[in-house]
Amino acid sequence: MNESLHLVCPHCAAINRLPADRLRQSPKCGQCHRAMFTGHPLELNSGNFEKNLIRNDIPLLVDFWADWCGPCKMMAPAFVQAAQLLEPLVRLGKLDTEKEPDISGRYGIRSIPTLVLFRNGRELARQSGAMPAQDIVRWAKNYA
């Protein structure tokens, strides 16, 4: 019997149930019919963070960043490239610590960029500092 996974749509936030063996078959949302994986990190905020953290059955890799941070800006293209390489096995998201200080404070983010890998709402691993795409992918696969 094939395991089913719950995935939050990055467009409409509907929760979709998908057989695990269909994860790599470019699934579409049952509600809005758009792609469940876009090859780009999801912009996370107070309106969608908790749902993506708790309701996705795949790991969530969050880049805690800020617009004024030079290393964050340098790492941004690498994080997009990592999304293209890690999806659909990992959902990637970016959370602006300046716009969402409550969330970044809850997770004790002291320096940026900081990557935090979550699964089922629990932190699995954390890494601070800018990294190239191949290191992000290697690090995430090591803990996911």
C-alpha atoms as a PDB file:
ATOM      1  CA  MET A   1       0.000   0.000   0.000  1.00  0.00           C
ATOM      2  CA  ASN A   2       1.319   3.412  -0.971  1.00  0.00           C
ATOM      3  CA  GLU A   3       1.804   6.039   1.718  1.00  0.00           C
ATOM      4  CA  SER A   4      -0.051   9.330   1.275  1.00  0.00           C
ATOM      5  CA  LEU A   5       1.575  12.668   1.966  1.00  0.00           C
ATOM      6  CA  HIS A   6      -0.041  15.969   2.891  1.00  0.00           C
ATOM      7  CA  LEU A   7       1.336  18.993   1.032  1.00  0.00           C
ATOM      8  CA  VAL A   8       0.418  22.646   1.379  1.00  0.00           C
ATOM      9  CA  CYS A   9      -0.100  24.361  -1.983  1.00  0.00           C
ATOM     10  CA  PRO A  10       2.394  27.238  -2.357  1.00  0.00           C
ATOM     11  CA  HIS A  11      -0.242  29.293  -4.220  1.00  0.00           C
ATOM     12  CA  CYS A  12      -3.575  28.880  -2.426  1.00  0.00           C
ATOM     13  CA  ALA A  13      -2.453  27.130   0.806  1.00  0.00           C
ATOM     14  CA  ALA A  14      -4.903  24.263   0.284  1.00  0.00           C
ATOM     15  CA  ILE A  15      -3.791  21.008   1.874  1.00  0.00           C
ATOM     16  CA  ASN A  16      -3.476  18.272  -0.734  1.00  0.00           C
ATOM     17  CA  ARG A  17      -3.163  14.544  -0.116  1.00  0.00           C
ATOM     18  CA  LEU A  18      -0.885  12.862  -2.601  1.00  0.00           C
ATOM     19  CA  PRO A  19       0.383   9.285  -2.925  1.00  0.00           C
ATOM     20  CA  ALA A  20       4.111   9.344  -2.127  1.00  0.00           C
ATOM     21  CA  ASP A  21       4.983   7.648  -5.414  1.00  0.00           C
ATOM     22  CA  ARG A  22       3.425  10.587  -7.320  1.00  0.00           C
ATOM     23  CA  LEU A  23       5.621  13.187  -5.626  1.00  0.00           C
ATOM     24  CA  ARG A  24       8.061  13.293  -8.566  1.00  0.00           C
ATOM     25  CA  GLN A  25       5.313  13.438 -11.210  1.00  0.00           C
ATOM     26  CA  SER A  26       4.812  17.234 -11.184  1.00  0.00           C
ATOM     27  CA  PRO A  27       1.683  17.170  -8.991  1.00  0.00           C
ATOM     28  CA  LYS A  28      -0.872  19.952  -9.212  1.00  0.00           C
ATOM     29  CA  CYS A  29      -3.080  21.362  -6.467  1.00  0.00           C
ATOM     30  CA  GLY A  30      -6.541  19.861  -6.346  1.00  0.00           C
ATOM     31  CA  GLN A  31      -8.047  23.278  -5.561  1.00  0.00           C
ATOM     32  CA  CYS A  32      -6.239  25.862  -7.723  1.00  0.00           C
ATOM     33  CA  HIS A  33      -4.724  23.385 -10.240  1.00  0.00           C
ATOM     34  CA  ARG A  34      -1.305  25.063 -10.140  1.00  0.00           C
ATOM     35  CA  ALA A  35       2.012  23.256  -9.702  1.00  0.00           C
ATOM     36  CA  MET A  36       2.742  22.064  -6.171  1.00  0.00           C
ATOM     37  CA  PHE A  37       6.469  22.612  -6.779  1.00  0.00           C
ATOM     38  CA  THR A  38       7.782  25.624  -8.650  1.00  0.00           C
ATOM     39  CA  GLY A  39      11.546  25.374  -8.264  1.00  0.00           C
ATOM     40  CA  HIS A  40      11.467  28.582  -6.213  1.00  0.00           C
ATOM     41  CA  PRO A  41      11.409  29.092  -2.449  1.00  0.00           C
ATOM     42  CA  LEU A  42       8.063  29.993  -0.912  1.00  0.00           C
ATOM     43  CA  GLU A  43       7.841  33.429   0.717  1.00  0.00           C
ATOM     44  CA  LEU A  44       6.916  32.659   4.319  1.00  0.00           C
ATOM     45  CA  ASN A  45       5.139  35.069   6.661  1.00  0.00           C
ATOM     46  CA  SER A  46       2.926  35.027   9.745  1.00  0.00           C
ATOM     47  CA  GLY A  47      -0.036  34.052   7.560  1.00  0.00           C
ATOM     48  CA  ASN A  48       1.450  30.873   6.085  1.00  0.00           C
ATOM     49  CA  PHE A  49       4.437  29.853   8.215  1.00  0.00           C
ATOM     50  CA  GLU A  50       2.642  27.639  10.752  1.00  0.00           C
ATOM     51  CA  LYS A  51       0.576  25.835   8.139  1.00  0.00           C
ATOM     52  CA  ASN A  52       3.653  25.030   6.039  1.00  0.00           C
ATOM     53  CA  LEU A  53       5.607  24.045   9.139  1.00  0.00           C
ATOM     54  CA  ILE A  54       3.000  21.668  10.546  1.00  0.00           C
ATOM     55  CA  ARG A  55       0.934  20.414   7.598  1.00  0.00           C
ATOM     56  CA  ASN A  56       3.624  19.461   5.033  1.00  0.00           C
ATOM     57  CA  ASP A  57       4.713  15.844   5.349  1.00  0.00           C
ATOM     58  CA  ILE A  58       7.988  16.637   3.606  1.00  0.00           C
ATOM     59  CA  PRO A  59      10.773  18.593   5.340  1.00  0.00           C
ATOM     60  CA  LEU A  60      10.664  22.394   5.251  1.00  0.00           C
ATOM     61  CA  LEU A  61      13.992  24.208   4.816  1.00  0.00           C
ATOM     62  CA  VAL A  62      13.696  27.845   5.925  1.00  0.00           C
ATOM     63  CA  ASP A  63      16.161  30.592   5.054  1.00  0.00           C
ATOM     64  CA  PHE A  64      15.897  33.256   7.772  1.00  0.00           C
ATOM     65  CA  TRP A  65      17.169  36.432   6.077  1.00  0.00           C
ATOM     66  CA  ALA A  66      16.821  40.224   5.866  1.00  0.00           C
ATOM     67  CA  ASP A  67      16.963  42.647   2.949  1.00  0.00           C
ATOM     68  CA  TRP A  68      19.802  44.700   4.454  1.00  0.00           C
ATOM     69  CA  CYS A  69      22.042  41.618   4.896  1.00  0.00           C
ATOM     70  CA  GLY A  70      24.808  41.357   2.285  1.00  0.00           C
ATOM     71  CA  PRO A  71      25.529  37.633   2.816  1.00  0.00           C
ATOM     72  CA  CYS A  72      21.763  36.943   2.619  1.00  0.00           C
ATOM     73  CA  LYS A  73      21.588  38.660  -0.767  1.00  0.00           C
ATOM     74  CA  MET A  74      24.686  36.780  -1.943  1.00  0.00           C
ATOM     75  CA  MET A  75      23.134  33.438  -0.925  1.00  0.00           C
ATOM     76  CA  ALA A  76      19.685  34.128  -2.442  1.00  0.00           C
ATOM     77  CA  PRO A  77      20.496  32.751  -5.943  1.00  0.00           C
ATOM     78  CA  ALA A  78      22.095  29.663  -4.379  1.00  0.00           C
ATOM     79  CA  PHE A  79      18.939  29.064  -2.313  1.00  0.00           C
ATOM     80  CA  VAL A  80      16.817  29.250  -5.487  1.00  0.00           C
ATOM     81  CA  GLN A  81      19.165  26.787  -7.170  1.00  0.00           C
ATOM     82  CA  ALA A  82      18.917  24.515  -4.125  1.00  0.00           C
ATOM     83  CA  ALA A  83      15.105  24.625  -4.417  1.00  0.00           C
ATOM     84  CA  GLN A  84      15.378  23.369  -7.985  1.00  0.00           C
ATOM     85  CA  LEU A  85      17.588  20.502  -6.812  1.00  0.00           C
ATOM     86  CA  LEU A  86      15.793  19.544  -3.581  1.00  0.00           C
ATOM     87  CA  GLU A  87      12.146  19.736  -4.648  1.00  0.00           C
ATOM     88  CA  PRO A  88       9.939  17.713  -4.388  1.00  0.00           C
ATOM     89  CA  LEU A  89      11.629  15.951  -1.469  1.00  0.00           C
ATOM     90  CA  VAL A  90      12.049  19.182   0.528  1.00  0.00           C
ATOM     91  CA  ARG A  91       9.958  22.382   0.494  1.00  0.00           C
ATOM     92  CA  LEU A  92      12.104  25.536   0.664  1.00  0.00           C
ATOM     93  CA  GLY A  93      10.929  28.811   2.121  1.00  0.00           C
ATOM     94  CA  LYS A  94      12.325  32.242   2.943  1.00  0.00           C
ATOM     95  CA  LEU A  95      11.328  34.217   6.025  1.00  0.00           C
ATOM     96  CA  ASP A  96      12.273  37.899   6.290  1.00  0.00           C
ATOM     97  CA  THR A  97      13.346  38.408   9.909  1.00  0.00           C
ATOM     98  CA  GLU A  98      12.672  42.159   9.723  1.00  0.00           C
ATOM     99  CA  LYS A  99       9.053  41.647   8.666  1.00  0.00           C
ATOM    100  CA  GLU A 100       8.466  38.664  10.981  1.00  0.00           C
ATOM    101  CA  PRO A 101      10.437  39.335  14.189  1.00  0.00           C
ATOM    102  CA  ASP A 102       8.056  37.227  16.309  1.00  0.00           C
ATOM    103  CA  ILE A 103       8.731  34.080  14.282  1.00  0.00           C
ATOM    104  CA  SER A 104      12.490  34.612  14.078  1.00  0.00           C
ATOM    105  CA  GLY A 105      12.545  35.369  17.818  1.00  0.00           C
ATOM    106  CA  ARG A 106      10.600  32.202  18.608  1.00  0.00           C
ATOM    107  CA  TYR A 107      13.326  30.168  16.905  1.00  0.00           C
ATOM    108  CA  GLY A 108      16.190  32.116  18.455  1.00  0.00           C
ATOM    109  CA  ILE A 109      17.595  33.435  15.194  1.00  0.00           C
ATOM    110  CA  ARG A 110      20.638  35.480  16.251  1.00  0.00           C
ATOM    111  CA  SER A 111      22.533  35.763  12.967  1.00  0.00           C
ATOM    112  CA  ILE A 112      21.507  35.732   9.343  1.00  0.00           C
ATOM    113  CA  PRO A 113      21.397  34.026   7.003  1.00  0.00           C
ATOM    114  CA  THR A 114      20.421  31.007   9.073  1.00  0.00           C
ATOM    115  CA  LEU A 115      18.998  27.851   7.530  1.00  0.00           C
ATOM    116  CA  VAL A 116      16.713  25.709   9.684  1.00  0.00           C
ATOM    117  CA  LEU A 117      15.425  22.340   8.522  1.00  0.00           C
ATOM    118  CA  PHE A 118      12.091  21.271  10.015  1.00  0.00           C
ATOM    119  CA  ARG A 119      10.028  18.105   9.747  1.00  0.00           C
ATOM    120  CA  ASN A 120       6.524  17.805  11.208  1.00  0.00           C
ATOM    121  CA  GLY A 121       7.032  21.077  13.086  1.00  0.00           C
ATOM    122  CA  ARG A 122      10.252  19.990  14.776  1.00  0.00           C
ATOM    123  CA  GLU A 123      13.698  21.405  14.121  1.00  0.00           C
ATOM    124  CA  LEU A 124      16.077  18.815  12.686  1.00  0.00           C
ATOM    125  CA  ALA A 125      19.156  20.947  11.980  1.00  0.00           C
ATOM    126  CA  ARG A 126      20.428  24.525  11.844  1.00  0.00           C
ATOM    127  CA  GLN A 127      23.279  26.214   9.977  1.00  0.00           C
ATOM    128  CA  SER A 128      24.281  29.874  10.020  1.00  0.00           C
ATOM    129  CA  GLY A 129      26.211  31.646   7.292  1.00  0.00           C
ATOM    130  CA  ALA A 130      25.972  31.887   3.524  1.00  0.00           C
ATOM    131  CA  MET A 131      26.573  28.692   1.544  1.00  0.00           C
ATOM    132  CA  PRO A 132      26.762  27.808  -2.145  1.00  0.00           C
ATOM    133  CA  ALA A 133      23.914  25.758  -3.619  1.00  0.00           C
ATOM    134  CA  GLN A 134      25.758  22.426  -3.603  1.00  0.00           C
ATOM    135  CA  ASP A 135      26.534  22.825   0.116  1.00  0.00           C
ATOM    136  CA  ILE A 136      22.911  23.720   0.907  1.00  0.00           C
ATOM    137  CA  VAL A 137      21.743  20.612  -0.963  1.00  0.00           C
ATOM    138  CA  ARG A 138      24.332  18.351   0.694  1.00  0.00           C
ATOM    139  CA  TRP A 139      23.548  19.735   4.152  1.00  0.00           C
ATOM    140  CA  ALA A 140      19.761  19.398   3.709  1.00  0.00           C
ATOM    141  CA  LYS A 141      19.997  15.841   2.343  1.00  0.00           C
ATOM    142  CA  ASN A 142      22.220  14.886   5.272  1.00  0.00           C
ATOM    143  CA  TYR A 143      19.451  15.756   7.772  1.00  0.00           C
ATOM    144  CA  ALA A 144      16.251  15.266   5.774  1.00  0.00           C
END
